Amino acid sequence: MKKTTGAAAAAVTAQPDRHAMSRVMLAWEGGAGRGHVVTLARVARSLAGVVACDAALGWMTHADEIAPWCEKVFPGVRLPYDRAGRKARGAPPAATWAEWLLDCGFADGDRMAARVSWWLDTFARRQTSLLIGDYAPCALMAARIAGIRALAIGTGYAIPPQGLDSFPVFLPEYPEREADEADLTARLNAALGPLGLPRLERLPDIYRRSGELVRTLAMLDPYRGQRSAPYLPPVADYAGPAGPDGDYAFCYFSTTELAQPGLVEALATCGLPLRGFLPGAPEDVVARLAAAGMVIEPRPLPVAEIGRSARLLCNSGQHGMVCLGLAAGLPQVCLPQHLEQLYVARQAEAAGVARVIWPMATPADAVRDTLRAAWHDAGASRRASELARSLAPAFVHDDGAILRQAIASWL
């Protein structure tokens, strides 16, 4: 083999590492809760030492969970859901993803142009070469304009398959559409075409992307059978199936769940041994529950500790917590706060491992009765253990290597 010497050798050694020239932007725009930041933090951690990451977050509440693995973490585009506006106009519950987009301001051309322009400026200033977005449709459209590769990451519910003609109805009891997809598409074309966005033929085209990282179980994905890539493990720490002899009902409510008086009253008076991590709860509610006997945890518990000590999980149907319960083999009581959580909770209910309390304003006595019934439901505990064993291959103890492999070809 001919040895490379002199100027040729210098040229070879001067070749830059393509990863050193890359910079990943982690984006989150919409949806409440800690799980979105945790999802992106897993990506940042997996890429540490491989490529530089920035994070632009719609809400900075949990920014400290991603900061250790990013060069910069800063406020980004925020898509606040206009729940009050929907209520004021007497709108029906959101039937499709188009209603969510409508309530996040996608009919307002000026707002959309400002949002996408912010991303274009940020991509240029941070020299972004790859976007990974969770609930980040504005960033996806900006990436198309900028010619940047873009991956959608998330649970499946908010990652529509490419090529959809329209957004489908997920919950048969809420079929009434309010959003006019053709009108929204026309408004977006008028607002974003001048910025360089290729013409949208239909509303789901806003989610056109280079690839996807769908972190869910097939049983929880409303688009199962339509994916272009294999599922990645859910964003849920894994310690294997738990034993059946836990001493507590473990509660995790991370946003505004405990603004419901009926839920607070039921937890305070159910008579069950409770343990909880409640980062979104008002101080007076935490004080009342602690006085009633709930063990309040100041920070997230390791999943192995939850599995060791819990006999029942209480949550709002958050994808990550439902998956944690499915993996641990724990029955669940879910009190959804919106239709995505309701969809996820209903899938667990259909598998016989969860009870769903809906609507949000269910009276305290009904919530209390459901909690007590779930605590004593040996059949649900047995089914949860059996399902956990069958789902075990879908979970991993450490997702870093899997994420690096899935992202490597896009760097």
Protein backbone atom coordinates (compact mmCIF):
# COMPACT_ATOMS: atom_id res chain seq x y z
CA MET A 1 0.00 0.00 0.00
CA LYS A 2 1.34 3.41 -0.93
CA LYS A 3 2.16 5.57 2.06
CA THR A 4 0.76 9.11 2.11
CA THR A 5 3.51 11.64 2.75
CA GLY A 6 4.28 15.34 2.63
CA ALA A 7 1.60 17.77 1.48
CA ALA A 8 -0.85 14.94 0.83
CA ALA A 9 -0.52 13.73 4.42
CA ALA A 10 -1.02 17.25 5.72
CA ALA A 11 -4.17 17.58 3.63
CA VAL A 12 -5.53 14.32 5.01
CA THR A 13 -4.83 15.25 8.63
CA ALA A 14 -6.41 18.66 8.04
CA GLN A 15 -9.71 17.04 7.03
CA PRO A 16 -12.23 18.26 9.64
CA ASP A 17 -14.34 15.83 11.60
CA ARG A 18 -17.82 16.19 10.13
CA HIS A 19 -19.30 15.79 13.62
CA ALA A 20 -17.14 18.66 14.84
CA MET A 21 -18.79 20.83 12.18
CA SER A 22 -22.29 19.70 13.20
CA ARG A 23 -24.55 21.38 15.70
CA VAL A 24 -27.86 19.90 16.79
CA MET A 25 -30.82 22.06 17.78
CA LEU A 26 -33.23 20.40 20.21
CA ALA A 27 -36.62 22.09 19.97
CA TRP A 28 -39.80 21.95 22.02
CA GLU A 29 -42.71 24.27 21.26
CA GLY A 30 -46.01 22.88 22.57
CA GLY A 31 -47.65 20.55 25.03
CA ALA A 32 -47.35 20.83 28.79
CA GLY A 33 -45.35 18.78 31.23
CA ARG A 34 -41.85 17.69 32.05
CA GLY A 35 -41.79 14.75 29.64
CA HIS A 36 -40.95 16.83 26.57
CA VAL A 37 -37.78 18.17 28.18
CA VAL A 38 -36.86 14.70 29.45
CA THR A 39 -37.22 13.33 25.91
CA LEU A 40 -34.82 15.92 24.51
CA ALA A 41 -32.46 15.57 27.47
CA ARG A 42 -32.06 11.88 26.65
CA VAL A 43 -31.00 12.88 23.14
CA ALA A 44 -28.55 15.49 24.40
CA ARG A 45 -27.03 13.06 26.88
CA SER A 46 -26.64 10.38 24.20
CA LEU A 47 -24.80 12.82 21.92
CA ALA A 48 -22.46 14.22 24.58
CA GLY A 49 -18.91 14.08 23.27
CA VAL A 50 -20.16 13.35 19.75
CA VAL A 51 -21.72 16.63 18.62
CA ALA A 52 -22.62 19.98 20.16
CA CYS A 53 -26.25 20.49 21.16
CA ASP A 54 -28.37 23.56 21.84
CA ALA A 55 -31.91 23.49 23.24
CA ALA A 56 -34.67 26.01 22.54
CA LEU A 57 -37.56 25.37 24.92
CA GLY A 58 -41.07 26.76 24.87
CA TRP A 59 -41.06 26.69 28.68
CA MET A 60 -37.96 26.86 30.85
CA THR A 61 -39.49 25.23 33.94
CA HIS A 62 -37.45 22.04 33.66
CA ALA A 63 -34.47 23.46 31.74
CA ASP A 64 -32.03 22.28 34.40
CA GLU A 65 -32.72 18.69 33.34
CA ILE A 66 -31.25 19.24 29.88
CA ALA A 67 -28.65 21.95 30.59
CA PRO A 68 -25.76 19.63 31.59
CA TRP A 69 -25.55 18.21 28.06
CA CYS A 70 -26.07 21.39 26.01
CA GLU A 71 -23.86 24.33 25.11
CA LYS A 72 -26.81 26.70 25.32
CA VAL A 73 -30.37 26.35 26.62
CA PHE A 74 -32.69 29.28 25.97
CA PRO A 75 -36.38 30.20 25.57
CA GLY A 76 -37.75 29.37 22.14
CA VAL A 77 -41.02 29.47 20.24
CA ARG A 78 -43.95 28.70 22.51
CA LEU A 79 -47.29 27.34 21.33
CA PRO A 80 -49.66 28.04 24.24
CA TYR A 81 -52.92 26.14 23.89
CA ASP A 82 -55.87 28.53 23.98
CA ARG A 83 -58.12 26.48 26.24
CA ALA A 84 -59.92 29.61 27.45
CA GLY A 85 -60.70 30.72 23.91
CA ARG A 86 -62.07 27.32 23.03
CA LYS A 87 -64.31 27.40 26.10
CA ALA A 88 -65.47 30.98 25.43
CA ARG A 89 -66.67 30.18 21.93
CA GLY A 90 -68.36 26.97 23.05
CA ALA A 91 -66.19 24.79 20.85
CA PRO A 92 -66.55 21.01 21.08
CA PRO A 93 -63.65 18.92 22.42
CA ALA A 94 -60.82 18.78 19.87
CA ALA A 95 -61.58 16.02 17.38
CA THR A 96 -58.30 16.01 15.45
CA TRP A 97 -54.79 17.40 15.51
CA ALA A 98 -56.03 20.26 13.32
CA GLU A 99 -58.03 21.61 16.27
CA TRP A 100 -54.88 21.66 18.37
CA LEU A 101 -53.07 23.63 15.66
CA LEU A 102 -56.00 26.05 15.42
CA ASP A 103 -55.95 26.64 19.17
CA CYS A 104 -52.18 27.24 19.04
CA GLY A 105 -52.58 30.15 16.63
CA PHE A 106 -51.92 28.52 13.25
CA ALA A 107 -54.69 30.58 11.63
CA ASP A 108 -52.85 33.80 12.51
CA GLY A 109 -50.52 34.47 9.61
CA ASP A 110 -48.54 37.21 11.34
CA ARG A 111 -47.89 35.06 14.41
CA MET A 112 -46.84 32.11 12.28
CA ALA A 113 -44.47 34.23 10.20
CA ALA A 114 -42.91 35.60 13.39
CA ARG A 115 -42.49 32.11 14.85
CA VAL A 116 -40.88 30.65 11.76
CA SER A 117 -38.71 33.75 11.26
CA TRP A 118 -37.41 33.37 14.82
CA TRP A 119 -36.33 29.84 14.02
CA LEU A 120 -34.65 30.87 10.79
CA ASP A 121 -32.66 33.54 12.63
CA THR A 122 -31.78 31.11 15.44
CA PHE A 123 -30.64 28.39 13.04
CA ALA A 124 -28.36 30.91 11.33
CA ARG A 125 -26.92 32.35 14.54
CA ARG A 126 -26.30 28.93 16.10
CA GLN A 127 -25.11 27.35 12.82
CA THR A 128 -27.56 24.49 13.22
CA SER A 129 -27.04 21.49 10.95
CA LEU A 130 -29.68 19.12 12.37
CA LEU A 131 -33.00 19.81 14.09
CA ILE A 132 -34.59 17.31 16.48
CA GLY A 133 -38.02 18.56 17.50
CA ASP A 134 -40.61 17.40 20.03
CA TYR A 135 -44.00 19.04 19.45
CA ALA A 136 -42.19 21.55 17.23
CA PRO A 137 -44.07 22.07 13.94
CA CYS A 138 -42.83 25.65 13.46
CA ALA A 139 -39.23 24.47 13.74
CA LEU A 140 -39.90 21.69 11.22
CA MET A 141 -41.21 24.18 8.68
CA ALA A 142 -38.29 26.53 9.30
CA ALA A 143 -35.87 23.64 8.77
CA ARG A 144 -37.42 22.98 5.34
CA ILE A 145 -36.92 26.60 4.40
CA ALA A 146 -33.32 26.60 5.65
CA GLY A 147 -32.45 23.27 4.03
CA ILE A 148 -31.62 21.72 7.41
CA ARG A 149 -32.20 18.05 8.10
CA ALA A 150 -34.99 17.58 10.62
CA LEU A 151 -36.14 14.70 12.80
CA ALA A 152 -39.43 14.60 14.68
CA ILE A 153 -39.17 12.91 18.06
CA GLY A 154 -41.96 12.02 20.45
CA THR A 155 -44.56 9.51 21.45
CA GLY A 156 -46.38 8.97 18.18
CA TYR A 157 -49.59 10.86 18.90
CA ALA A 158 -47.97 14.13 17.81
CA ILE A 159 -45.91 12.68 14.93
CA PRO A 160 -48.34 12.19 12.05
CA PRO A 161 -47.04 9.89 9.31
CA GLN A 162 -45.94 11.70 6.18
CA GLY A 163 -48.39 11.67 3.30
CA LEU A 164 -51.64 12.02 5.28
CA ASP A 165 -54.47 13.73 3.39
CA SER A 166 -56.02 15.01 6.63
CA PHE A 167 -55.75 14.49 10.37
CA PRO A 168 -57.89 11.59 11.64
CA VAL A 169 -60.29 11.44 14.58
CA PHE A 170 -58.66 9.45 17.42
CA LEU A 171 -61.53 9.17 19.93
CA PRO A 172 -64.89 8.15 18.43
CA GLU A 173 -66.86 9.97 21.14
CA TYR A 174 -65.35 13.30 20.01
CA PRO A 175 -65.87 13.36 16.21
CA GLU A 176 -67.00 16.97 15.71
CA ARG A 177 -64.41 18.90 13.70
CA GLU A 178 -64.08 22.65 14.10
CA ALA A 179 -60.89 23.40 12.16
CA ASP A 180 -61.11 23.91 8.39
CA GLU A 181 -57.92 22.23 7.17
CA ALA A 182 -58.09 23.79 3.70
CA ASP A 183 -58.44 27.27 5.19
CA LEU A 184 -55.55 26.73 7.62
CA THR A 185 -53.39 25.42 4.77
CA ALA A 186 -54.16 28.49 2.64
CA ARG A 187 -53.35 30.84 5.51
CA LEU A 188 -50.03 29.13 6.17
CA ASN A 189 -49.09 29.23 2.49
CA ALA A 190 -49.87 32.96 2.37
CA ALA A 191 -47.86 33.69 5.53
CA LEU A 192 -44.89 31.38 5.05
CA GLY A 193 -44.54 31.17 1.28
CA PRO A 194 -42.77 34.57 1.20
CA LEU A 195 -40.26 33.16 3.71
CA GLY A 196 -39.45 30.31 1.33
CA LEU A 197 -41.64 27.45 2.57
CA PRO A 198 -42.49 25.08 -0.29
CA ARG A 199 -46.22 25.10 -0.97
CA LEU A 200 -48.28 22.97 1.41
CA GLU A 201 -50.78 20.83 -0.49
CA ARG A 202 -52.60 19.78 2.67
CA LEU A 203 -52.36 20.63 6.36
CA PRO A 204 -50.41 17.52 7.52
CA ASP A 205 -47.60 18.65 5.17
CA ILE A 206 -46.40 20.96 7.94
CA TYR A 207 -44.88 17.82 9.49
CA ARG A 208 -42.75 16.93 6.46
CA ARG A 209 -39.30 15.98 7.73
CA SER A 210 -36.15 14.00 7.04
CA GLY A 211 -36.99 11.23 9.51
CA GLU A 212 -38.66 10.35 12.79
CA LEU A 213 -37.75 8.95 16.20
CA VAL A 214 -41.01 7.50 17.50
CA ARG A 215 -40.56 6.51 21.13
CA THR A 216 -43.61 4.51 22.07
CA LEU A 217 -45.24 1.09 22.11
CA ALA A 218 -47.35 -0.06 19.20
CA MET A 219 -50.33 -0.43 21.54
CA LEU A 220 -50.17 3.31 22.35
CA ASP A 221 -49.60 4.64 18.81
CA PRO A 222 -52.72 5.88 16.98
CA TYR A 223 -50.76 5.55 13.72
CA ARG A 224 -49.53 1.99 14.25
CA GLY A 225 -48.94 0.24 10.97
CA GLN A 226 -48.08 3.52 9.19
CA ARG A 227 -44.56 4.14 10.46
CA SER A 228 -41.52 4.53 8.21
CA ALA A 229 -39.02 3.41 10.88
CA PRO A 230 -39.05 0.93 13.77
CA TYR A 231 -40.22 2.11 17.17
CA LEU A 232 -37.57 3.20 19.64
CA PRO A 233 -37.99 2.34 23.35
CA PRO A 234 -40.37 4.64 25.24
CA VAL A 235 -38.84 7.41 27.31
CA ALA A 236 -39.35 5.57 30.58
CA ASP A 237 -36.61 4.43 32.92
CA TYR A 238 -36.65 0.66 33.15
CA ALA A 239 -35.82 -1.62 36.04
CA GLY A 240 -37.76 -4.72 35.01
CA PRO A 241 -41.16 -5.88 36.28
CA ALA A 242 -41.89 -5.06 39.91
CA GLY A 243 -43.00 -7.40 42.64
CA PRO A 244 -46.67 -7.57 43.65
CA ASP A 245 -46.26 -6.48 47.26
CA GLY A 246 -45.82 -2.70 47.19
CA ASP A 247 -46.99 -0.61 50.13
CA TYR A 248 -48.07 2.63 48.41
CA ALA A 249 -50.17 4.12 45.67
CA PHE A 250 -47.59 6.31 43.92
CA CYS A 251 -48.97 9.58 42.50
CA TYR A 252 -47.32 11.67 39.79
CA PHE A 253 -49.06 14.88 38.76
CA SER A 254 -46.77 17.34 36.99
CA THR A 255 -48.91 20.25 35.77
CA THR A 256 -52.34 21.54 36.82
CA GLU A 257 -54.06 18.28 37.74
CA LEU A 258 -54.33 19.22 41.41
CA ALA A 259 -56.28 22.36 40.55
CA GLN A 260 -59.26 19.98 40.49
CA PRO A 261 -60.85 20.11 43.97
CA GLY A 262 -62.42 16.68 43.54
CA LEU A 263 -59.07 15.02 42.96
CA VAL A 264 -57.47 16.74 45.96
CA GLU A 265 -60.40 15.81 48.20
CA ALA A 266 -60.33 12.19 47.03
CA LEU A 267 -56.60 11.83 47.63
CA ALA A 268 -56.87 13.40 51.07
CA THR A 269 -59.75 11.17 52.18
CA CYS A 270 -59.29 7.85 50.35
CA GLY A 271 -57.54 6.22 53.30
CA LEU A 272 -54.88 4.59 51.11
CA PRO A 273 -51.14 4.85 51.81
CA LEU A 274 -49.98 7.45 49.28
CA ARG A 275 -46.59 8.60 48.07
CA GLY A 276 -46.22 11.34 45.49
CA PHE A 277 -44.02 13.54 43.35
CA LEU A 278 -46.12 16.63 42.58
CA PRO A 279 -43.94 19.27 40.88
CA GLY A 280 -46.90 21.28 39.55
CA ALA A 281 -48.98 21.39 42.74
CA PRO A 282 -49.74 24.59 44.68
CA GLU A 283 -48.11 24.79 48.11
CA ASP A 284 -51.42 24.70 49.96
CA VAL A 285 -52.44 21.52 48.16
CA VAL A 286 -49.11 19.87 48.96
CA ALA A 287 -49.52 20.89 52.60
CA ARG A 288 -53.03 19.45 52.76
CA LEU A 289 -52.01 16.14 51.21
CA ALA A 290 -48.99 15.87 53.49
CA ALA A 291 -51.20 16.53 56.51
CA ALA A 292 -53.51 13.76 55.29
CA GLY A 293 -50.59 11.34 55.28
CA MET A 294 -49.16 11.41 51.75
CA VAL A 295 -45.38 11.04 51.66
CA ILE A 296 -44.28 13.96 49.45
CA GLU A 297 -41.10 13.41 47.44
CA PRO A 298 -39.04 16.54 46.69
CA ARG A 299 -37.57 15.14 43.48
CA PRO A 300 -38.25 12.32 40.98
CA LEU A 301 -37.87 8.84 42.46
CA PRO A 302 -35.69 6.24 40.72
CA VAL A 303 -37.93 3.86 38.82
CA ALA A 304 -36.55 0.91 40.78
CA GLU A 305 -37.74 2.56 43.98
CA ILE A 306 -41.20 3.16 42.51
CA GLY A 307 -41.37 -0.47 41.44
CA ARG A 308 -40.22 -1.68 44.84
CA SER A 309 -42.61 0.42 46.90
CA ALA A 310 -45.69 0.90 44.71
CA ARG A 311 -48.73 -1.31 44.39
CA LEU A 312 -50.67 1.16 42.23
CA LEU A 313 -49.80 4.15 40.04
CA CYS A 314 -51.94 7.30 39.91
CA ASN A 315 -51.24 9.71 37.06
CA SER A 316 -52.92 11.79 34.38
CA GLY A 317 -52.22 9.40 31.52
CA GLN A 318 -48.86 10.97 30.67
CA HIS A 319 -47.20 8.74 28.10
CA GLY A 320 -44.00 8.33 30.11
CA MET A 321 -45.73 7.39 33.35
CA VAL A 322 -48.15 5.01 31.64
CA CYS A 323 -45.16 3.32 30.00
CA LEU A 324 -43.33 3.17 33.33
CA GLY A 325 -46.34 1.41 34.82
CA LEU A 326 -46.66 -0.97 31.87
CA ALA A 327 -42.97 -1.87 32.15
CA ALA A 328 -43.12 -2.34 35.92
CA GLY A 329 -46.30 -4.39 35.82
CA LEU A 330 -48.25 -1.97 38.02
CA PRO A 331 -51.99 -1.32 37.63
CA GLN A 332 -52.88 2.33 37.14
CA VAL A 333 -55.55 4.93 37.76
CA CYS A 334 -55.40 7.66 35.11
CA LEU A 335 -57.05 11.08 35.35
CA PRO A 336 -56.38 12.63 31.91
CA GLN A 337 -56.18 16.40 31.48
CA HIS A 338 -56.56 16.46 27.70
CA LEU A 339 -57.41 14.18 24.80
CA GLU A 340 -53.89 12.90 24.12
CA GLN A 341 -53.66 11.65 27.69
CA LEU A 342 -57.18 10.26 27.39
CA TYR A 343 -56.18 8.33 24.27
CA VAL A 344 -53.10 6.85 25.95
CA ALA A 345 -55.00 5.99 29.13
CA ARG A 346 -57.78 4.33 27.14
CA GLN A 347 -55.28 2.00 25.48
CA ALA A 348 -54.02 0.88 28.90
CA GLU A 349 -57.63 0.51 30.04
CA ALA A 350 -58.41 -1.65 27.00
CA ALA A 351 -55.53 -3.93 28.03
CA GLY A 352 -57.17 -4.39 31.43
CA VAL A 353 -54.42 -2.70 33.44
CA ALA A 354 -55.84 0.79 34.08
CA ARG A 355 -58.97 2.58 35.23
CA VAL A 356 -59.71 5.93 33.58
CA ILE A 357 -61.45 8.78 35.40
CA TRP A 358 -62.95 11.20 32.89
CA PRO A 359 -63.91 14.02 32.64
CA MET A 360 -61.47 16.06 34.72
CA ALA A 361 -64.13 17.50 37.03
CA THR A 362 -65.31 14.11 38.28
CA PRO A 363 -66.68 14.46 41.85
CA ALA A 364 -64.51 13.45 44.78
CA ASP A 365 -66.61 10.46 45.79
CA ALA A 366 -66.32 8.89 42.33
CA VAL A 367 -62.55 9.45 42.26
CA ARG A 368 -62.20 8.05 45.77
CA ASP A 369 -64.27 4.94 44.93
CA THR A 370 -62.15 4.30 41.83
CA LEU A 371 -58.89 4.60 43.78
CA ARG A 372 -60.09 2.15 46.41
CA ALA A 373 -61.41 -0.33 43.85
CA ALA A 374 -58.12 -0.24 41.93
CA TRP A 375 -56.13 -0.78 45.13
CA HIS A 376 -58.00 -4.02 45.81
CA ASP A 377 -58.19 -5.28 42.18
CA ALA A 378 -56.12 -8.47 42.17
CA GLY A 379 -57.12 -9.22 38.58
CA ALA A 380 -55.68 -5.96 37.29
CA SER A 381 -52.45 -6.63 39.20
CA ARG A 382 -52.17 -10.05 37.61
CA ARG A 383 -52.87 -8.72 34.11
CA ALA A 384 -50.35 -5.89 34.61
CA SER A 385 -47.64 -8.40 35.59
CA GLU A 386 -48.39 -10.60 32.58
CA LEU A 387 -48.38 -7.64 30.19
CA ALA A 388 -45.07 -6.37 31.61
CA ARG A 389 -43.41 -9.68 30.82
CA SER A 390 -44.66 -9.59 27.23
CA LEU A 391 -43.56 -5.96 26.75
CA ALA A 392 -40.11 -6.36 28.32
CA PRO A 393 -38.25 -6.61 24.96
CA ALA A 394 -39.52 -3.11 24.04
CA PHE A 395 -37.76 -1.45 27.00
CA VAL A 396 -34.07 -0.85 27.71
CA HIS A 397 -32.09 0.06 30.82
CA ASP A 398 -29.99 2.63 28.93
CA ASP A 399 -31.22 4.18 25.68
CA GLY A 400 -28.03 6.11 24.89
CA ALA A 401 -26.54 3.67 22.40
CA ILE A 402 -29.86 3.18 20.61
CA LEU A 403 -30.37 6.93 20.23
CA ARG A 404 -26.82 7.52 18.99
CA GLN A 405 -27.27 4.80 16.38
CA ALA A 406 -30.63 6.16 15.25
CA ILE A 407 -29.31 9.71 14.89
CA ALA A 408 -25.79 8.98 13.57
CA SER A 409 -26.71 8.86 9.89
CA TRP A 410 -28.28 12.33 10.09
CA LEU A 411 -25.23 14.08 11.59
